[in-house]
Amino acid sequence: MDDKLFDLMTKMYNEMQGMKSDIQGMKSDMERLESKVDTLSNQFIQFENNMTRKVDALFDAREAGIDKETEISTGLQRVESKVDKLELKVLRHNLVQCQ
């Protein structure tokens, strides 16, 4: 009976050692996963900051484009108005010449 008890205890000890080894392996795996998650988190933060800067730059460029378009439109309206006035002067001049 003592031999059976010793064998059983030896077997239980060996299994516990195996479990201990498995737990240490899992702990090591968890540490690697935590490191990867930290790395991914940092990369995501960098990506997000980069994208925020780019989106802000796009909005700034859009606003500048709108301002320039407004400026050009205003200038075009002034030119059209001057052309209309000149056209009237030419027509009046031609009418005077024809009479």
C-alpha atoms as a PDB file:
ATOM      1  CA  MET A   1       0.000   0.000   0.000  1.00  0.00           C
ATOM      2  CA  ASP A   2       2.850   2.369   0.784  1.00  0.00           C
ATOM      3  CA  ASP A   3       4.276   1.820  -2.701  1.00  0.00           C
ATOM      4  CA  LYS A   4       0.905   2.623  -4.291  1.00  0.00           C
ATOM      5  CA  LEU A   5       0.584   5.739  -2.145  1.00  0.00           C
ATOM      6  CA  PHE A   6       4.149   6.790  -3.033  1.00  0.00           C
ATOM      7  CA  ASP A   7       3.488   6.180  -6.731  1.00  0.00           C
ATOM      8  CA  LEU A   8       0.261   8.171  -6.539  1.00  0.00           C
ATOM      9  CA  MET A   9       1.986  11.065  -4.749  1.00  0.00           C
ATOM     10  CA  THR A  10       4.875  10.959  -7.258  1.00  0.00           C
ATOM     11  CA  LYS A  11       2.402  11.021 -10.115  1.00  0.00           C
ATOM     12  CA  MET A  12       0.505  13.932  -8.526  1.00  0.00           C
ATOM     13  CA  TYR A  13       3.804  15.793  -7.953  1.00  0.00           C
ATOM     14  CA  ASN A  14       4.836  15.304 -11.581  1.00  0.00           C
ATOM     15  CA  GLU A  15       1.453  16.510 -12.805  1.00  0.00           C
ATOM     16  CA  MET A  16       1.676  19.569 -10.546  1.00  0.00           C
ATOM     17  CA  GLN A  17       5.149  20.325 -11.918  1.00  0.00           C
ATOM     18  CA  GLY A  18       3.727  20.090 -15.427  1.00  0.00           C
ATOM     19  CA  MET A  19       0.885  22.409 -14.453  1.00  0.00           C
ATOM     20  CA  LYS A  20       3.393  24.810 -12.911  1.00  0.00           C
ATOM     21  CA  SER A  21       5.363  24.793 -16.150  1.00  0.00           C
ATOM     22  CA  ASP A  22       2.172  25.367 -18.151  1.00  0.00           C
ATOM     23  CA  ILE A  23       1.208  28.289 -15.901  1.00  0.00           C
ATOM     24  CA  GLN A  24       4.660  29.843 -16.321  1.00  0.00           C
ATOM     25  CA  GLY A  25       4.339  29.439 -20.090  1.00  0.00           C
ATOM     26  CA  MET A  26       0.913  31.064 -20.011  1.00  0.00           C
ATOM     27  CA  LYS A  27       2.319  33.906 -17.895  1.00  0.00           C
ATOM     28  CA  SER A  28       5.074  34.426 -20.447  1.00  0.00           C
ATOM     29  CA  ASP A  29       2.501  34.383 -23.269  1.00  0.00           C
ATOM     30  CA  MET A  30       0.364  36.918 -21.408  1.00  0.00           C
ATOM     31  CA  GLU A  31       3.362  39.227 -20.954  1.00  0.00           C
ATOM     32  CA  ARG A  32       4.095  39.033 -24.699  1.00  0.00           C
ATOM     33  CA  LEU A  33       0.440  39.748 -25.467  1.00  0.00           C
ATOM     34  CA  GLU A  34       0.424  42.726 -23.102  1.00  0.00           C
ATOM     35  CA  SER A  35       3.547  44.044 -24.815  1.00  0.00           C
ATOM     36  CA  LYS A  36       1.927  43.652 -28.233  1.00  0.00           C
ATOM     37  CA  VAL A  37      -1.270  45.340 -27.047  1.00  0.00           C
ATOM     38  CA  ASP A  38       0.788  48.249 -25.675  1.00  0.00           C
ATOM     39  CA  THR A  39       2.646  48.516 -28.985  1.00  0.00           C
ATOM     40  CA  LEU A  40      -0.608  48.435 -30.960  1.00  0.00           C
ATOM     41  CA  SER A  41      -2.153  50.992 -28.632  1.00  0.00           C
ATOM     42  CA  ASN A  42       0.787  53.348 -29.137  1.00  0.00           C
ATOM     43  CA  GLN A  43       0.663  52.835 -32.909  1.00  0.00           C
ATOM     44  CA  PHE A  44      -3.071  53.539 -32.910  1.00  0.00           C
ATOM     45  CA  ILE A  45      -2.551  56.739 -30.925  1.00  0.00           C
ATOM     46  CA  GLN A  46       0.133  57.840 -33.399  1.00  0.00           C
ATOM     47  CA  PHE A  47      -2.166  56.977 -36.321  1.00  0.00           C
ATOM     48  CA  GLU A  48      -5.048  58.869 -34.748  1.00  0.00           C
ATOM     49  CA  ASN A  49      -2.885  61.943 -34.102  1.00  0.00           C
ATOM     50  CA  ASN A  50      -1.539  61.813 -37.650  1.00  0.00           C
ATOM     51  CA  MET A  51      -5.027  61.492 -39.135  1.00  0.00           C
ATOM     52  CA  THR A  52      -6.303  64.345 -36.963  1.00  0.00           C
ATOM     53  CA  ARG A  53      -3.541  66.610 -38.281  1.00  0.00           C
ATOM     54  CA  LYS A  54      -4.282  65.578 -41.864  1.00  0.00           C
ATOM     55  CA  VAL A  55      -8.040  66.091 -41.515  1.00  0.00           C
ATOM     56  CA  ASP A  56      -7.427  69.494 -39.923  1.00  0.00           C
ATOM     57  CA  ALA A  57      -5.123  70.382 -42.826  1.00  0.00           C
ATOM     58  CA  LEU A  58      -7.796  69.308 -45.324  1.00  0.00           C
ATOM     59  CA  PHE A  59     -10.411  71.476 -43.627  1.00  0.00           C
ATOM     60  CA  ASP A  60      -7.990  74.415 -43.557  1.00  0.00           C
ATOM     61  CA  ALA A  61      -7.249  73.914 -47.256  1.00  0.00           C
ATOM     62  CA  ARG A  62     -10.977  73.721 -47.989  1.00  0.00           C
ATOM     63  CA  GLU A  63     -11.600  76.957 -46.115  1.00  0.00           C
ATOM     64  CA  ALA A  64      -8.735  78.637 -47.982  1.00  0.00           C
ATOM     65  CA  GLY A  65     -10.187  77.367 -51.264  1.00  0.00           C
ATOM     66  CA  ILE A  66     -13.619  78.718 -50.397  1.00  0.00           C
ATOM     67  CA  ASP A  67     -12.108  82.085 -49.471  1.00  0.00           C
ATOM     68  CA  LYS A  68     -10.165  82.194 -52.746  1.00  0.00           C
ATOM     69  CA  GLU A  69     -13.266  81.191 -54.734  1.00  0.00           C
ATOM     70  CA  THR A  70     -15.246  83.976 -53.070  1.00  0.00           C
ATOM     71  CA  GLU A  71     -12.474  86.453 -53.843  1.00  0.00           C
ATOM     72  CA  ILE A  72     -12.351  85.346 -57.491  1.00  0.00           C
ATOM     73  CA  SER A  73     -16.134  85.474 -57.794  1.00  0.00           C
ATOM     74  CA  THR A  74     -16.224  88.995 -56.385  1.00  0.00           C
ATOM     75  CA  GLY A  75     -13.483  90.073 -58.786  1.00  0.00           C
ATOM     76  CA  LEU A  76     -15.303  88.474 -61.707  1.00  0.00           C
ATOM     77  CA  GLN A  77     -18.496  90.319 -60.804  1.00  0.00           C
ATOM     78  CA  ARG A  78     -16.574  93.617 -60.788  1.00  0.00           C
ATOM     79  CA  VAL A  79     -15.062  92.818 -64.190  1.00  0.00           C
ATOM     80  CA  GLU A  80     -18.476  91.844 -65.603  1.00  0.00           C
ATOM     81  CA  SER A  81     -19.926  95.105 -64.341  1.00  0.00           C
ATOM     82  CA  LYS A  82     -17.139  97.106 -65.991  1.00  0.00           C
ATOM     83  CA  VAL A  83     -17.548  95.168 -69.239  1.00  0.00           C
ATOM     84  CA  ASP A  84     -21.298  95.894 -69.190  1.00  0.00           C
ATOM     85  CA  LYS A  85     -20.608  99.613 -68.713  1.00  0.00           C
ATOM     86  CA  LEU A  86     -18.053  99.613 -71.528  1.00  0.00           C
ATOM     87  CA  GLU A  87     -20.498  97.787 -73.780  1.00  0.00           C
ATOM     88  CA  LEU A  88     -23.100 100.485 -73.133  1.00  0.00           C
ATOM     89  CA  LYS A  89     -20.561 103.197 -73.909  1.00  0.00           C
ATOM     90  CA  VAL A  90     -19.614 101.484 -77.174  1.00  0.00           C
ATOM     91  CA  LEU A  91     -23.262 101.125 -78.163  1.00  0.00           C
ATOM     92  CA  ARG A  92     -23.928 104.801 -77.388  1.00  0.00           C
ATOM     93  CA  HIS A  93     -20.821 105.790 -79.310  1.00  0.00           C
ATOM     94  CA  ASN A  94     -21.924 103.698 -82.327  1.00  0.00           C
ATOM     95  CA  LEU A  95     -25.404 105.229 -82.174  1.00  0.00           C
ATOM     96  CA  VAL A  96     -23.958 108.714 -82.128  1.00  0.00           C
ATOM     97  CA  GLN A  97     -21.633 107.868 -85.033  1.00  0.00           C
ATOM     98  CA  CYS A  98     -24.469 106.426 -87.080  1.00  0.00           C
ATOM     99  CA  GLN A  99     -26.665 109.531 -86.765  1.00  0.00           C
END
